[in-house]
Amino acid sequence: MADTNEVKNKRKRSEPVAEYKDPLIAGLLAWLVPGLGHIYEKRYFKGILIFLCIVPTLLAGLWMGSYWQQSETGQTPQLARNVYFSWRTGDRRLYFIPQGMIGTVAIPAVFQAKNVARGNDGFFHNIFAPPRLPGEKSNQPAIDEIIANLNSWYEMGILFSMVAGLMNVLAILDAIQGRPRPEDSQETGQAAPV
């Protein structure tokens, strides 16, 4: 019996001690940049894997919503015109709820919407800027112009960016959950992964 206890004590001393991070910070970082919450928790492989799954999907959606617009000064890029925040009458943007689950999209989109609502030009080639509504005075292209330029790419870009946001919800929840605690593994009799 002494040998069994001695083996258990040696195993306990040799097991690496997992460092547990604040779950709210991990969740916030995962919302800002997919996978960053996992990297904060030192789950590097999972963080990089999440980043490599979500970010290309998001970038594909943003690319599908971009085009070149002809103007007096030449061609100007219209970037990510399918991802924007708007809660105006006639343009309740429910698509933005899953798209906004990625902070690198949500923060500039909300800022851009407030900027355009004040009558200012959008920053950085109007990325994430809401379109002009019928009867509105703005230098933004109307939604009909955007759809005419993008055709079916507009909807596909919305779909890709929504899928990326929904995948990031799962990543956020996983980052908040964090590593399994040793007391959680005692119920199952398995060792907690580090």
Protein backbone atom coordinates (compact mmCIF):
# COMPACT_ATOMS: atom_id res chain seq x y z
CA MET A 1 0.00 0.00 0.00
CA ALA A 2 2.89 2.34 0.75
CA ASP A 3 4.23 1.77 -2.75
CA THR A 4 0.93 2.89 -4.29
CA ASN A 5 0.86 6.11 -2.26
CA GLU A 6 4.49 6.77 -3.09
CA VAL A 7 3.80 6.38 -6.82
CA LYS A 8 0.79 8.74 -6.58
CA ASN A 9 2.87 11.35 -4.75
CA LYS A 10 5.66 11.13 -7.34
CA ARG A 11 3.13 11.53 -10.15
CA LYS A 12 1.57 14.58 -8.47
CA ARG A 13 4.97 16.24 -8.10
CA SER A 14 5.97 15.57 -11.70
CA GLU A 15 2.71 16.78 -13.30
CA PRO A 16 3.02 20.31 -14.67
CA VAL A 17 0.79 22.82 -12.91
CA ALA A 18 -1.62 24.52 -15.31
CA GLU A 19 -1.82 28.27 -14.98
CA TYR A 20 -5.45 29.44 -15.14
CA LYS A 21 -6.17 32.79 -16.73
CA ASP A 22 -9.06 35.19 -16.25
CA PRO A 23 -11.95 33.83 -18.38
CA LEU A 24 -13.43 37.28 -19.08
CA ILE A 25 -10.16 38.59 -20.47
CA ALA A 26 -9.83 35.41 -22.55
CA GLY A 27 -13.37 35.91 -23.88
CA LEU A 28 -12.75 39.57 -24.71
CA LEU A 29 -9.51 38.75 -26.52
CA ALA A 30 -11.25 35.94 -28.42
CA TRP A 31 -13.95 38.43 -29.50
CA LEU A 32 -11.38 40.99 -30.63
CA VAL A 33 -9.25 38.57 -32.65
CA PRO A 34 -10.31 34.96 -33.21
CA GLY A 35 -7.91 32.64 -31.37
CA LEU A 36 -6.28 35.37 -29.27
CA GLY A 37 -8.12 34.29 -26.12
CA HIS A 38 -6.70 30.78 -26.48
CA ILE A 39 -3.20 32.13 -27.01
CA TYR A 40 -3.66 34.22 -23.84
CA GLU A 41 -4.52 30.98 -22.03
CA LYS A 42 -1.36 29.40 -23.49
CA ARG A 43 -3.37 27.01 -25.64
CA TYR A 44 -1.28 27.94 -28.65
CA PHE A 45 -2.21 25.15 -31.04
CA LYS A 46 -5.92 25.68 -30.54
CA GLY A 47 -5.56 29.47 -30.85
CA ILE A 48 -3.65 29.25 -34.11
CA LEU A 49 -6.09 26.66 -35.47
CA ILE A 50 -9.08 28.87 -34.63
CA PHE A 51 -7.37 31.88 -36.23
CA LEU A 52 -6.59 29.90 -39.39
CA CYS A 53 -10.21 28.69 -39.67
CA ILE A 54 -12.10 31.90 -38.92
CA VAL A 55 -9.97 34.73 -40.31
CA PRO A 56 -9.71 33.41 -43.90
CA THR A 57 -13.49 32.88 -43.92
CA LEU A 58 -13.99 36.47 -42.74
CA LEU A 59 -11.46 37.86 -45.22
CA ALA A 60 -13.15 35.99 -48.07
CA GLY A 61 -16.48 37.56 -47.07
CA LEU A 62 -14.93 41.03 -46.89
CA TRP A 63 -13.24 40.54 -50.26
CA MET A 64 -16.56 39.48 -51.83
CA GLY A 65 -18.06 42.77 -50.67
CA SER A 66 -15.34 44.96 -52.21
CA TYR A 67 -15.16 46.56 -55.65
CA TRP A 68 -13.65 49.48 -57.57
CA GLN A 69 -15.94 52.47 -58.17
CA GLN A 70 -15.42 54.88 -61.04
CA SER A 71 -15.31 58.55 -59.97
CA GLU A 72 -14.14 61.92 -61.31
CA THR A 73 -10.68 61.35 -59.86
CA GLY A 74 -10.36 57.82 -61.19
CA GLN A 75 -11.14 54.54 -59.54
CA THR A 76 -11.68 54.39 -55.80
CA PRO A 77 -11.89 51.17 -53.82
CA GLN A 78 -15.11 50.38 -51.97
CA LEU A 79 -14.03 47.93 -49.31
CA ALA A 80 -16.25 45.49 -47.39
CA ARG A 81 -19.50 47.17 -48.41
CA ASN A 82 -21.54 44.13 -47.33
CA VAL A 83 -20.52 44.35 -43.67
CA TYR A 84 -21.83 47.45 -41.88
CA PHE A 85 -23.81 48.50 -38.83
CA SER A 86 -27.13 50.25 -39.35
CA TRP A 87 -30.30 50.55 -37.31
CA ARG A 88 -31.95 53.26 -39.42
CA THR A 89 -35.57 53.11 -40.50
CA GLY A 90 -35.64 51.06 -43.67
CA ASP A 91 -32.25 49.50 -42.99
CA ARG A 92 -32.35 47.39 -39.84
CA ARG A 93 -29.16 45.41 -40.26
CA LEU A 94 -29.82 42.11 -38.46
CA TYR A 95 -27.02 40.50 -40.47
CA PHE A 96 -24.62 42.53 -38.36
CA ILE A 97 -25.43 40.57 -35.19
CA PRO A 98 -23.38 37.48 -36.21
CA GLN A 99 -20.91 39.63 -38.18
CA GLY A 100 -20.32 41.71 -35.05
CA MET A 101 -19.20 38.64 -33.10
CA ILE A 102 -15.72 39.50 -34.34
CA GLY A 103 -14.49 42.65 -32.63
CA THR A 104 -12.12 43.65 -35.42
CA VAL A 105 -15.25 44.03 -37.58
CA ALA A 106 -17.70 45.33 -34.97
CA ILE A 107 -15.65 48.20 -33.55
CA PRO A 108 -14.79 49.97 -36.84
CA ALA A 109 -18.28 49.28 -38.24
CA VAL A 110 -20.03 50.97 -35.31
CA PHE A 111 -17.53 53.84 -35.40
CA GLN A 112 -17.98 54.21 -39.16
CA ALA A 113 -21.80 54.23 -38.84
CA LYS A 114 -21.65 57.04 -36.26
CA ASN A 115 -19.15 58.94 -38.38
CA VAL A 116 -21.33 58.73 -41.52
CA ALA A 117 -24.51 59.58 -39.53
CA ARG A 118 -22.86 62.88 -38.53
CA GLY A 119 -22.44 63.68 -42.23
CA ASN A 120 -18.70 62.99 -42.36
CA ASP A 121 -16.95 61.01 -45.03
CA GLY A 122 -16.06 57.46 -44.10
CA PHE A 123 -12.46 56.72 -43.22
CA PHE A 124 -10.13 54.35 -45.09
CA HIS A 125 -12.05 54.07 -48.36
CA ASN A 126 -15.41 53.80 -46.55
CA ILE A 127 -14.69 50.32 -45.21
CA PHE A 128 -17.72 49.13 -43.15
CA ALA A 129 -19.62 52.37 -43.94
CA PRO A 130 -23.41 52.07 -44.24
CA PRO A 131 -24.81 52.86 -47.70
CA ARG A 132 -26.95 55.88 -48.55
CA LEU A 133 -30.67 55.31 -48.15
CA PRO A 134 -33.19 56.64 -50.71
CA GLY A 135 -33.75 60.36 -50.08
CA GLU A 136 -30.61 60.70 -47.96
CA LYS A 137 -27.89 63.21 -48.79
CA SER A 138 -24.56 61.45 -48.49
CA ASN A 139 -21.49 60.73 -50.58
CA GLN A 140 -21.91 57.01 -49.82
CA PRO A 141 -23.13 54.80 -52.66
CA ALA A 142 -26.74 53.64 -52.42
CA ILE A 143 -27.43 50.01 -51.58
CA ASP A 144 -28.76 49.48 -55.14
CA GLU A 145 -25.45 50.70 -56.57
CA ILE A 146 -23.49 48.38 -54.31
CA ILE A 147 -25.61 45.36 -55.25
CA ALA A 148 -25.39 46.29 -58.94
CA ASN A 149 -21.59 46.32 -58.71
CA LEU A 150 -21.29 43.13 -56.67
CA ASN A 151 -24.22 41.05 -57.96
CA SER A 152 -24.45 37.73 -56.09
CA TRP A 153 -21.07 38.34 -54.44
CA TYR A 154 -22.88 40.73 -52.10
CA GLU A 155 -25.00 37.97 -50.54
CA MET A 156 -22.17 35.44 -50.55
CA GLY A 157 -19.94 37.92 -48.73
CA ILE A 158 -22.67 38.46 -46.13
CA LEU A 159 -22.98 34.71 -45.68
CA PHE A 160 -19.22 34.14 -45.30
CA SER A 161 -18.83 36.95 -42.78
CA MET A 162 -21.85 35.70 -40.79
CA VAL A 163 -20.44 32.16 -40.70
CA ALA A 164 -17.09 33.54 -39.50
CA GLY A 165 -18.87 35.45 -36.72
CA LEU A 166 -20.89 32.42 -35.64
CA MET A 167 -17.76 30.26 -35.58
CA ASN A 168 -16.14 32.89 -33.40
CA VAL A 169 -19.04 32.64 -30.92
CA LEU A 170 -17.98 29.03 -30.32
CA ALA A 171 -14.35 30.11 -29.98
CA ILE A 172 -15.33 32.82 -27.47
CA LEU A 173 -17.30 30.34 -25.39
CA ASP A 174 -14.40 27.89 -25.46
CA ALA A 175 -11.97 30.61 -24.39
CA ILE A 176 -14.27 31.61 -21.52
CA GLN A 177 -14.52 27.97 -20.44
CA GLY A 178 -10.72 27.78 -20.40
CA ARG A 179 -8.70 24.72 -19.50
CA PRO A 180 -10.32 21.94 -17.52
CA ARG A 181 -9.70 22.39 -13.81
CA PRO A 182 -8.12 19.51 -11.82
CA GLU A 183 -11.26 19.28 -9.67
CA ASP A 184 -13.32 18.73 -12.87
CA SER A 185 -11.20 15.73 -13.83
CA GLN A 186 -11.49 14.08 -10.41
CA GLU A 187 -15.15 13.32 -11.11
CA THR A 188 -14.27 11.32 -14.23
CA GLY A 189 -11.03 9.86 -12.89
CA GLN A 190 -9.02 11.24 -15.84
CA ALA A 191 -6.08 13.58 -15.61
CA ALA A 192 -6.71 17.18 -16.63
CA PRO A 193 -4.88 18.20 -19.81
CA VAL A 194 -2.33 20.97 -19.46
